[in-house]
Amino acid sequence: MVFASATVLVSASLGALYLYQNKLVYPSWAQGARDRVDTPDMYGLPYEDLRLKTSDGELLEAFDIRNENSTATILVLCPNAGNIGYFLPVAKFLYDEFKMSVFLYSYRGYGLSTGFPSEMGLKIDADTVMDHLAHSEFHKSQKLVLYGRSLGGANSIYLARKYTDMCDAVILENTFLSIRKVIPYVFPLLKHVSFMCHEVWDSEHEIENIQDENLPFLFLAGLRDEIVPPPHMRLLYKLCPSRFKRFVEFPLGSHNDTIIQDGYWVVVREFLQKHNLI
């Protein structure tokens, strides 16, 4: 009887974990990030506030920050949690210091975008944004840089593989091989049931299938990352087929503060200049 009860309890717990895992994988609800989104005008940036409609009927909030002196647009693929308002101080830096145009959007279920997040849904969102940029008279005249941090890096790898011809460079920071391979690092007790995670984001194999070996890649890795195991970035670098790739480690960088480590923006500037993007 005790064994049977325990079996039922474990089965119920695993079932709940499987059904509600999206709440854990995509914590768009955290810290009130669905309630309020800062806008670029708060940072003195010109912008157009867009609502992009996806093929399955969701509406994505996007900020189109155009710099009339730019030669490149940087498409920001945001990290998990938060909303696009959190990234606006960096957008201002890219606009003011690098003279770039910046395009940001909230994934479905994040910020003021409608819907509920999932891997399939976020990939539809990414497709929607690329279609918008491809048909924009302004942006199609610009070079395109993908900049993805963490989950945004997985999105960037997906886009670099699918829309290689549209991309001129890719910057990845603290990105994972797959979510299943992150689980044992973040949740050791769940390592034996990581196969139940249906939100996979298989960047490990996606990056191998990028066809253009001339597409430049910059990998930025924090060695104190407490969420993504640092070796993930090293392996993504090795698997990347690009002939023009660079890997830079930041010994004191954790998952969310690698971006403020000494030399981070020097490396980014050098990369963009080397490939004639600024």
C-alpha atoms as a PDB file:
ATOM      1  CA  MET A   1       0.000   0.000   0.000  1.00  0.00           C
ATOM      2  CA  VAL A   2       2.827   2.420   0.930  1.00  0.00           C
ATOM      3  CA  PHE A   3       4.693   1.571  -2.282  1.00  0.00           C
ATOM      4  CA  ALA A   4       1.557   2.103  -4.339  1.00  0.00           C
ATOM      5  CA  SER A   5       0.891   5.463  -2.691  1.00  0.00           C
ATOM      6  CA  ALA A   6       4.469   6.585  -3.247  1.00  0.00           C
ATOM      7  CA  THR A   7       4.271   5.538  -6.883  1.00  0.00           C
ATOM      8  CA  VAL A   8       1.085   7.544  -7.377  1.00  0.00           C
ATOM      9  CA  LEU A   9       2.651  10.573  -5.682  1.00  0.00           C
ATOM     10  CA  VAL A  10       5.818  10.417  -7.800  1.00  0.00           C
ATOM     11  CA  SER A  11       3.787   9.919 -10.977  1.00  0.00           C
ATOM     12  CA  ALA A  12       1.553  12.872 -10.109  1.00  0.00           C
ATOM     13  CA  SER A  13       4.568  15.059  -9.346  1.00  0.00           C
ATOM     14  CA  LEU A  14       6.282  14.176 -12.609  1.00  0.00           C
ATOM     15  CA  GLY A  15       3.039  14.725 -14.488  1.00  0.00           C
ATOM     16  CA  ALA A  16       2.651  18.179 -12.964  1.00  0.00           C
ATOM     17  CA  LEU A  17       6.287  18.976 -13.739  1.00  0.00           C
ATOM     18  CA  TYR A  18       5.756  17.981 -17.376  1.00  0.00           C
ATOM     19  CA  LEU A  19       2.514  19.931 -17.779  1.00  0.00           C
ATOM     20  CA  TYR A  20       3.626  23.119 -16.020  1.00  0.00           C
ATOM     21  CA  GLN A  21       7.290  23.225 -16.964  1.00  0.00           C
ATOM     22  CA  ASN A  22       6.770  26.243 -19.220  1.00  0.00           C
ATOM     23  CA  LYS A  23       6.162  28.339 -16.112  1.00  0.00           C
ATOM     24  CA  LEU A  24       9.636  27.342 -14.904  1.00  0.00           C
ATOM     25  CA  VAL A  25      11.419  27.513 -18.258  1.00  0.00           C
ATOM     26  CA  TYR A  26       9.910  30.892 -19.193  1.00  0.00           C
ATOM     27  CA  PRO A  27       9.429  32.980 -16.011  1.00  0.00           C
ATOM     28  CA  SER A  28       7.979  35.939 -17.888  1.00  0.00           C
ATOM     29  CA  TRP A  29       5.800  36.603 -14.845  1.00  0.00           C
ATOM     30  CA  ALA A  30       8.730  37.276 -12.495  1.00  0.00           C
ATOM     31  CA  GLN A  31       9.200  40.656 -10.773  1.00  0.00           C
ATOM     32  CA  GLY A  32       6.111  42.183 -12.348  1.00  0.00           C
ATOM     33  CA  ALA A  33       7.673  42.272 -15.811  1.00  0.00           C
ATOM     34  CA  ARG A  34       4.257  41.771 -17.423  1.00  0.00           C
ATOM     35  CA  ASP A  35       2.811  44.862 -15.762  1.00  0.00           C
ATOM     36  CA  ARG A  36       4.986  47.680 -17.033  1.00  0.00           C
ATOM     37  CA  VAL A  37       7.522  48.188 -19.823  1.00  0.00           C
ATOM     38  CA  ASP A  38       9.844  51.197 -20.005  1.00  0.00           C
ATOM     39  CA  THR A  39       9.975  52.918 -23.393  1.00  0.00           C
ATOM     40  CA  PRO A  40      12.942  54.338 -25.369  1.00  0.00           C
ATOM     41  CA  ASP A  41      11.805  57.961 -24.981  1.00  0.00           C
ATOM     42  CA  MET A  42      12.663  57.609 -21.275  1.00  0.00           C
ATOM     43  CA  TYR A  43      16.288  57.353 -22.452  1.00  0.00           C
ATOM     44  CA  GLY A  44      16.070  60.085 -25.060  1.00  0.00           C
ATOM     45  CA  LEU A  45      15.887  57.629 -27.958  1.00  0.00           C
ATOM     46  CA  PRO A  46      13.719  58.095 -31.060  1.00  0.00           C
ATOM     47  CA  TYR A  47      11.587  55.046 -31.733  1.00  0.00           C
ATOM     48  CA  GLU A  48       8.502  53.511 -33.256  1.00  0.00           C
ATOM     49  CA  ASP A  49       6.363  51.354 -30.982  1.00  0.00           C
ATOM     50  CA  LEU A  50       5.204  48.407 -33.086  1.00  0.00           C
ATOM     51  CA  ARG A  51       2.786  45.516 -32.701  1.00  0.00           C
ATOM     52  CA  LEU A  52       3.821  42.698 -35.034  1.00  0.00           C
ATOM     53  CA  LYS A  53       1.218  40.034 -35.772  1.00  0.00           C
ATOM     54  CA  THR A  54       2.472  36.461 -35.905  1.00  0.00           C
ATOM     55  CA  SER A  55       1.199  33.750 -38.241  1.00  0.00           C
ATOM     56  CA  ASP A  56      -0.755  32.235 -35.334  1.00  0.00           C
ATOM     57  CA  GLY A  57      -2.378  35.490 -34.314  1.00  0.00           C
ATOM     58  CA  GLU A  58      -0.248  36.800 -31.423  1.00  0.00           C
ATOM     59  CA  LEU A  59       0.830  40.449 -31.147  1.00  0.00           C
ATOM     60  CA  LEU A  60       4.468  41.181 -30.333  1.00  0.00           C
ATOM     61  CA  GLU A  61       5.549  44.486 -28.830  1.00  0.00           C
ATOM     62  CA  ALA A  62       8.652  45.832 -30.581  1.00  0.00           C
ATOM     63  CA  PHE A  63      10.778  48.975 -30.401  1.00  0.00           C
ATOM     64  CA  ASP A  64      12.295  50.133 -33.677  1.00  0.00           C
ATOM     65  CA  ILE A  65      15.099  52.537 -32.718  1.00  0.00           C
ATOM     66  CA  ARG A  66      16.541  53.945 -35.942  1.00  0.00           C
ATOM     67  CA  ASN A  67      19.826  55.797 -36.089  1.00  0.00           C
ATOM     68  CA  GLU A  68      19.925  57.706 -39.359  1.00  0.00           C
ATOM     69  CA  ASN A  69      23.740  57.561 -39.298  1.00  0.00           C
ATOM     70  CA  SER A  70      23.904  53.780 -38.918  1.00  0.00           C
ATOM     71  CA  THR A  71      25.109  51.221 -41.422  1.00  0.00           C
ATOM     72  CA  ALA A  72      23.905  48.273 -39.329  1.00  0.00           C
ATOM     73  CA  THR A  73      20.899  47.267 -37.271  1.00  0.00           C
ATOM     74  CA  ILE A  74      21.481  45.146 -34.190  1.00  0.00           C
ATOM     75  CA  LEU A  75      18.585  42.781 -33.489  1.00  0.00           C
ATOM     76  CA  VAL A  76      18.486  42.127 -29.752  1.00  0.00           C
ATOM     77  CA  LEU A  77      17.265  38.671 -28.732  1.00  0.00           C
ATOM     78  CA  CYS A  78      16.589  39.143 -25.040  1.00  0.00           C
ATOM     79  CA  PRO A  79      17.553  36.816 -22.194  1.00  0.00           C
ATOM     80  CA  ASN A  80      14.927  35.007 -20.169  1.00  0.00           C
ATOM     81  CA  ALA A  81      12.632  36.810 -17.688  1.00  0.00           C
ATOM     82  CA  GLY A  82      12.244  40.580 -17.637  1.00  0.00           C
ATOM     83  CA  ASN A  83      11.081  42.544 -20.679  1.00  0.00           C
ATOM     84  CA  ILE A  84      12.590  44.684 -23.436  1.00  0.00           C
ATOM     85  CA  GLY A  85      12.486  47.757 -21.215  1.00  0.00           C
ATOM     86  CA  TYR A  86      15.268  46.223 -19.124  1.00  0.00           C
ATOM     87  CA  PHE A  87      17.618  46.360 -22.099  1.00  0.00           C
ATOM     88  CA  LEU A  88      17.078  50.004 -23.017  1.00  0.00           C
ATOM     89  CA  PRO A  89      20.210  51.337 -21.233  1.00  0.00           C
ATOM     90  CA  VAL A  90      22.257  49.037 -23.467  1.00  0.00           C
ATOM     91  CA  ALA A  91      20.220  50.070 -26.504  1.00  0.00           C
ATOM     92  CA  LYS A  92      21.129  53.688 -25.741  1.00  0.00           C
ATOM     93  CA  PHE A  93      24.808  52.750 -25.518  1.00  0.00           C
ATOM     94  CA  LEU A  94      24.659  50.947 -28.879  1.00  0.00           C
ATOM     95  CA  TYR A  95      22.841  53.912 -30.412  1.00  0.00           C
ATOM     96  CA  ASP A  96      25.072  56.639 -28.966  1.00  0.00           C
ATOM     97  CA  GLU A  97      28.498  55.007 -28.887  1.00  0.00           C
ATOM     98  CA  PHE A  98      28.359  52.578 -31.818  1.00  0.00           C
ATOM     99  CA  LYS A  99      25.944  54.624 -33.957  1.00  0.00           C
ATOM    100  CA  MET A 100      23.823  51.536 -34.594  1.00  0.00           C
ATOM    101  CA  SER A 101      20.113  51.145 -35.111  1.00  0.00           C
ATOM    102  CA  VAL A 102      18.530  48.829 -32.559  1.00  0.00           C
ATOM    103  CA  PHE A 103      15.500  46.558 -32.889  1.00  0.00           C
ATOM    104  CA  LEU A 104      14.072  44.882 -29.795  1.00  0.00           C
ATOM    105  CA  TYR A 105      10.943  42.821 -29.296  1.00  0.00           C
ATOM    106  CA  SER A 106       9.235  40.946 -26.497  1.00  0.00           C
ATOM    107  CA  TYR A 107       8.660  37.242 -26.996  1.00  0.00           C
ATOM    108  CA  ARG A 108       5.053  36.073 -26.751  1.00  0.00           C
ATOM    109  CA  GLY A 109       3.939  36.074 -23.140  1.00  0.00           C
ATOM    110  CA  TYR A 110       6.667  38.553 -22.169  1.00  0.00           C
ATOM    111  CA  GLY A 111       6.195  42.253 -21.466  1.00  0.00           C
ATOM    112  CA  LEU A 112       3.123  43.486 -23.336  1.00  0.00           C
ATOM    113  CA  SER A 113       3.197  40.788 -26.028  1.00  0.00           C
ATOM    114  CA  THR A 114       0.207  38.451 -26.092  1.00  0.00           C
ATOM    115  CA  GLY A 115       0.186  34.682 -25.799  1.00  0.00           C
ATOM    116  CA  PHE A 116       2.108  32.087 -23.823  1.00  0.00           C
ATOM    117  CA  PRO A 117       5.779  31.225 -24.381  1.00  0.00           C
ATOM    118  CA  SER A 118       6.983  27.952 -25.854  1.00  0.00           C
ATOM    119  CA  GLU A 119       9.890  26.947 -28.066  1.00  0.00           C
ATOM    120  CA  MET A 120       7.647  26.605 -31.096  1.00  0.00           C
ATOM    121  CA  GLY A 121       5.957  29.916 -30.362  1.00  0.00           C
ATOM    122  CA  LEU A 122       9.190  31.838 -29.815  1.00  0.00           C
ATOM    123  CA  LYS A 123      10.523  30.540 -33.116  1.00  0.00           C
ATOM    124  CA  ILE A 124       7.356  31.796 -34.846  1.00  0.00           C
ATOM    125  CA  ASP A 125       7.982  35.155 -33.146  1.00  0.00           C
ATOM    126  CA  ALA A 126      11.543  35.214 -34.476  1.00  0.00           C
ATOM    127  CA  ASP A 127      10.292  34.384 -37.979  1.00  0.00           C
ATOM    128  CA  THR A 128       7.796  37.247 -37.713  1.00  0.00           C
ATOM    129  CA  VAL A 129      10.497  39.751 -36.787  1.00  0.00           C
ATOM    130  CA  MET A 130      12.803  38.632 -39.594  1.00  0.00           C
ATOM    131  CA  ASP A 131       9.964  38.968 -42.078  1.00  0.00           C
ATOM    132  CA  HIS A 132       9.318  42.493 -40.815  1.00  0.00           C
ATOM    133  CA  LEU A 133      12.980  43.477 -41.162  1.00  0.00           C
ATOM    134  CA  ALA A 134      13.187  41.929 -44.617  1.00  0.00           C
ATOM    135  CA  HIS A 135      10.313  44.128 -45.833  1.00  0.00           C
ATOM    136  CA  SER A 136      11.374  47.338 -44.078  1.00  0.00           C
ATOM    137  CA  GLU A 137      12.856  49.835 -46.534  1.00  0.00           C
ATOM    138  CA  PHE A 138      15.130  51.135 -43.789  1.00  0.00           C
ATOM    139  CA  HIS A 139      16.356  47.878 -42.289  1.00  0.00           C
ATOM    140  CA  LYS A 140      16.880  45.985 -45.516  1.00  0.00           C
ATOM    141  CA  SER A 141      19.349  48.715 -46.491  1.00  0.00           C
ATOM    142  CA  GLN A 142      21.324  48.032 -43.288  1.00  0.00           C
ATOM    143  CA  LYS A 143      23.614  45.185 -42.328  1.00  0.00           C
ATOM    144  CA  LEU A 144      22.119  42.928 -39.662  1.00  0.00           C
ATOM    145  CA  VAL A 145      23.796  41.821 -36.429  1.00  0.00           C
ATOM    146  CA  LEU A 146      22.117  39.255 -34.172  1.00  0.00           C
ATOM    147  CA  TYR A 147      22.861  39.760 -30.476  1.00  0.00           C
ATOM    148  CA  GLY A 148      21.543  37.080 -28.136  1.00  0.00           C
ATOM    149  CA  ARG A 149      22.099  36.499 -24.440  1.00  0.00           C
ATOM    150  CA  SER A 150      21.163  33.168 -22.790  1.00  0.00           C
ATOM    151  CA  LEU A 151      17.754  32.181 -24.238  1.00  0.00           C
ATOM    152  CA  GLY A 152      18.273  34.973 -26.754  1.00  0.00           C
ATOM    153  CA  GLY A 153      21.411  33.175 -27.887  1.00  0.00           C
ATOM    154  CA  ALA A 154      19.379  30.075 -28.691  1.00  0.00           C
ATOM    155  CA  ASN A 155      17.037  32.288 -30.706  1.00  0.00           C
ATOM    156  CA  SER A 156      20.020  33.847 -32.475  1.00  0.00           C
ATOM    157  CA  ILE A 157      21.451  30.474 -33.452  1.00  0.00           C
ATOM    158  CA  TYR A 158      18.049  29.452 -34.828  1.00  0.00           C
ATOM    159  CA  LEU A 159      17.874  32.639 -36.913  1.00  0.00           C
ATOM    160  CA  ALA A 160      21.476  32.385 -38.088  1.00  0.00           C
ATOM    161  CA  ARG A 161      20.779  28.890 -39.365  1.00  0.00           C
ATOM    162  CA  LYS A 162      17.431  29.671 -41.003  1.00  0.00           C
ATOM    163  CA  TYR A 163      18.112  33.198 -42.305  1.00  0.00           C
ATOM    164  CA  THR A 164      21.832  33.042 -42.963  1.00  0.00           C
ATOM    165  CA  ASP A 165      21.588  35.224 -46.070  1.00  0.00           C
ATOM    166  CA  MET A 166      20.088  38.080 -44.046  1.00  0.00           C
ATOM    167  CA  CYS A 167      22.724  38.000 -41.289  1.00  0.00           C
ATOM    168  CA  ASP A 168      26.088  39.773 -41.277  1.00  0.00           C
ATOM    169  CA  ALA A 169      27.323  38.785 -37.800  1.00  0.00           C
ATOM    170  CA  VAL A 170      26.231  36.994 -34.620  1.00  0.00           C
ATOM    171  CA  ILE A 171      27.112  37.811 -30.998  1.00  0.00           C
ATOM    172  CA  LEU A 172      26.324  35.161 -28.377  1.00  0.00           C
ATOM    173  CA  GLU A 173      26.622  35.519 -24.613  1.00  0.00           C
ATOM    174  CA  ASN A 174      26.229  32.757 -21.995  1.00  0.00           C
ATOM    175  CA  THR A 175      24.189  30.505 -24.275  1.00  0.00           C
ATOM    176  CA  PHE A 176      23.423  26.835 -23.672  1.00  0.00           C
ATOM    177  CA  LEU A 177      23.775  23.638 -25.722  1.00  0.00           C
ATOM    178  CA  SER A 178      20.174  22.744 -24.890  1.00  0.00           C
ATOM    179  CA  ILE A 179      17.795  23.288 -21.985  1.00  0.00           C
ATOM    180  CA  ARG A 180      17.871  19.569 -21.200  1.00  0.00           C
ATOM    181  CA  LYS A 181      21.624  19.819 -20.659  1.00  0.00           C
ATOM    182  CA  VAL A 182      21.213  22.818 -18.351  1.00  0.00           C
ATOM    183  CA  ILE A 183      18.772  21.063 -15.992  1.00  0.00           C
ATOM    184  CA  PRO A 184      21.350  18.875 -14.151  1.00  0.00           C
ATOM    185  CA  TYR A 185      23.455  22.002 -13.494  1.00  0.00           C
ATOM    186  CA  VAL A 186      20.616  24.168 -12.149  1.00  0.00           C
ATOM    187  CA  PHE A 187      18.340  21.469 -10.694  1.00  0.00           C
ATOM    188  CA  PRO A 188      20.563  18.489  -9.756  1.00  0.00           C
ATOM    189  CA  LEU A 189      17.614  16.567  -8.275  1.00  0.00           C
ATOM    190  CA  LEU A 190      15.899  16.584 -11.681  1.00  0.00           C
ATOM    191  CA  LYS A 191      18.856  15.321 -13.682  1.00  0.00           C
ATOM    192  CA  HIS A 192      17.325  11.866 -14.150  1.00  0.00           C
ATOM    193  CA  VAL A 193      14.080  13.263 -15.570  1.00  0.00           C
ATOM    194  CA  SER A 194      15.573  15.954 -17.811  1.00  0.00           C
ATOM    195  CA  PHE A 195      14.404  13.900 -20.812  1.00  0.00           C
ATOM    196  CA  MET A 196      10.857  14.989 -19.893  1.00  0.00           C
ATOM    197  CA  CYS A 197      11.660  18.588 -20.783  1.00  0.00           C
ATOM    198  CA  HIS A 198       9.794  19.267 -24.027  1.00  0.00           C
ATOM    199  CA  GLU A 199      11.321  22.741 -24.368  1.00  0.00           C
ATOM    200  CA  VAL A 200      14.621  21.638 -25.884  1.00  0.00           C
ATOM    201  CA  TRP A 201      16.287  24.456 -27.869  1.00  0.00           C
ATOM    202  CA  ASP A 202      18.877  22.147 -29.403  1.00  0.00           C
ATOM    203  CA  SER A 203      21.492  24.786 -30.200  1.00  0.00           C
ATOM    204  CA  GLU A 204      24.224  22.166 -30.103  1.00  0.00           C
ATOM    205  CA  HIS A 205      23.012  20.686 -33.377  1.00  0.00           C
ATOM    206  CA  GLU A 206      21.441  23.843 -34.784  1.00  0.00           C
ATOM    207  CA  ILE A 207      24.763  25.685 -34.864  1.00  0.00           C
ATOM    208  CA  GLU A 208      26.451  22.866 -36.775  1.00  0.00           C
ATOM    209  CA  ASN A 209      23.942  23.316 -39.601  1.00  0.00           C
ATOM    210  CA  ILE A 210      24.710  26.968 -40.331  1.00  0.00           C
ATOM    211  CA  GLN A 211      25.788  26.837 -43.950  1.00  0.00           C
ATOM    212  CA  ASP A 212      27.801  30.048 -44.343  1.00  0.00           C
ATOM    213  CA  GLU A 213      31.341  29.572 -43.036  1.00  0.00           C
ATOM    214  CA  ASN A 214      32.006  33.280 -43.661  1.00  0.00           C
ATOM    215  CA  LEU A 215      29.398  34.489 -41.144  1.00  0.00           C
ATOM    216  CA  PRO A 216      31.343  36.059 -38.241  1.00  0.00           C
ATOM    217  CA  PHE A 217      30.584  34.863 -34.685  1.00  0.00           C
ATOM    218  CA  LEU A 218      31.612  36.341 -31.339  1.00  0.00           C
ATOM    219  CA  PHE A 219      31.244  34.157 -28.224  1.00  0.00           C
ATOM    220  CA  LEU A 220      31.247  35.906 -24.826  1.00  0.00           C
ATOM    221  CA  ALA A 221      31.411  33.594 -21.794  1.00  0.00           C
ATOM    222  CA  GLY A 222      31.238  34.301 -18.068  1.00  0.00           C
ATOM    223  CA  LEU A 223      33.258  31.684 -16.188  1.00  0.00           C
ATOM    224  CA  ARG A 224      31.180  32.120 -13.026  1.00  0.00           C
ATOM    225  CA  ASP A 225      27.883  31.500 -14.807  1.00  0.00           C
ATOM    226  CA  GLU A 226      25.603  29.838 -12.264  1.00  0.00           C
ATOM    227  CA  ILE A 227      22.838  28.953 -14.744  1.00  0.00           C
ATOM    228  CA  VAL A 228      24.529  27.873 -17.980  1.00  0.00           C
ATOM    229  CA  PRO A 229      27.586  25.629 -17.480  1.00  0.00           C
ATOM    230  CA  PRO A 230      30.555  27.579 -18.929  1.00  0.00           C
ATOM    231  CA  PRO A 231      31.725  24.564 -21.021  1.00  0.00           C
ATOM    232  CA  HIS A 232      28.518  24.932 -23.066  1.00  0.00           C
ATOM    233  CA  MET A 233      29.825  28.103 -24.685  1.00  0.00           C
ATOM    234  CA  ARG A 234      33.201  26.543 -25.407  1.00  0.00           C
ATOM    235  CA  LEU A 235      31.555  23.596 -27.181  1.00  0.00           C
ATOM    236  CA  LEU A 236      29.227  25.864 -29.180  1.00  0.00           C
ATOM    237  CA  TYR A 237      32.339  27.736 -30.305  1.00  0.00           C
ATOM    238  CA  LYS A 238      34.013  24.501 -31.404  1.00  0.00           C
ATOM    239  CA  LEU A 239      30.907  23.313 -33.251  1.00  0.00           C
ATOM    240  CA  CYS A 240      30.368  26.626 -35.050  1.00  0.00           C
ATOM    241  CA  PRO A 241      31.467  26.233 -38.703  1.00  0.00           C
ATOM    242  CA  SER A 242      32.451  29.896 -39.123  1.00  0.00           C
ATOM    243  CA  ARG A 243      35.999  30.681 -40.282  1.00  0.00           C
ATOM    244  CA  PHE A 244      35.670  34.068 -38.580  1.00  0.00           C
ATOM    245  CA  LYS A 245      34.847  33.268 -34.976  1.00  0.00           C
ATOM    246  CA  ARG A 246      36.251  34.529 -31.703  1.00  0.00           C
ATOM    247  CA  PHE A 247      35.859  33.225 -28.156  1.00  0.00           C
ATOM    248  CA  VAL A 248      36.377  35.519 -25.147  1.00  0.00           C
ATOM    249  CA  GLU A 249      36.119  34.507 -21.487  1.00  0.00           C
ATOM    250  CA  PHE A 250      35.401  36.801 -18.532  1.00  0.00           C
ATOM    251  CA  PRO A 251      36.729  35.148 -15.338  1.00  0.00           C
ATOM    252  CA  LEU A 252      34.451  37.120 -12.982  1.00  0.00           C
ATOM    253  CA  GLY A 253      31.350  37.074 -15.165  1.00  0.00           C
ATOM    254  CA  SER A 254      28.207  35.384 -13.826  1.00  0.00           C
ATOM    255  CA  HIS A 255      25.096  34.712 -15.883  1.00  0.00           C
ATOM    256  CA  ASN A 256      23.631  38.197 -15.651  1.00  0.00           C
ATOM    257  CA  ASP A 257      26.646  40.430 -15.122  1.00  0.00           C
ATOM    258  CA  THR A 258      29.068  39.328 -17.823  1.00  0.00           C
ATOM    259  CA  ILE A 259      27.825  42.303 -19.814  1.00  0.00           C
ATOM    260  CA  ILE A 260      29.319  44.736 -17.275  1.00  0.00           C
ATOM    261  CA  GLN A 261      32.728  43.061 -16.980  1.00  0.00           C
ATOM    262  CA  ASP A 262      35.854  45.057 -17.811  1.00  0.00           C
ATOM    263  CA  GLY A 263      36.679  44.851 -21.505  1.00  0.00           C
ATOM    264  CA  TYR A 264      33.294  43.451 -22.614  1.00  0.00           C
ATOM    265  CA  TRP A 265      32.365  46.387 -24.829  1.00  0.00           C
ATOM    266  CA  VAL A 266      35.935  46.808 -26.039  1.00  0.00           C
ATOM    267  CA  VAL A 267      35.741  43.264 -27.420  1.00  0.00           C
ATOM    268  CA  VAL A 268      32.340  43.925 -29.001  1.00  0.00           C
ATOM    269  CA  ARG A 269      33.560  47.140 -30.597  1.00  0.00           C
ATOM    270  CA  GLU A 270      36.664  45.428 -32.013  1.00  0.00           C
ATOM    271  CA  PHE A 271      34.504  42.655 -33.466  1.00  0.00           C
ATOM    272  CA  LEU A 272      32.059  45.051 -35.100  1.00  0.00           C
ATOM    273  CA  GLN A 273      34.839  47.229 -36.487  1.00  0.00           C
ATOM    274  CA  LYS A 274      36.785  44.265 -37.829  1.00  0.00           C
ATOM    275  CA  HIS A 275      33.791  43.170 -39.872  1.00  0.00           C
ATOM    276  CA  ASN A 276      32.877  46.695 -41.040  1.00  0.00           C
ATOM    277  CA  LEU A 277      29.627  46.862 -39.094  1.00  0.00           C
ATOM    278  CA  ILE A 278      30.313  50.196 -37.383  1.00  0.00           C
END
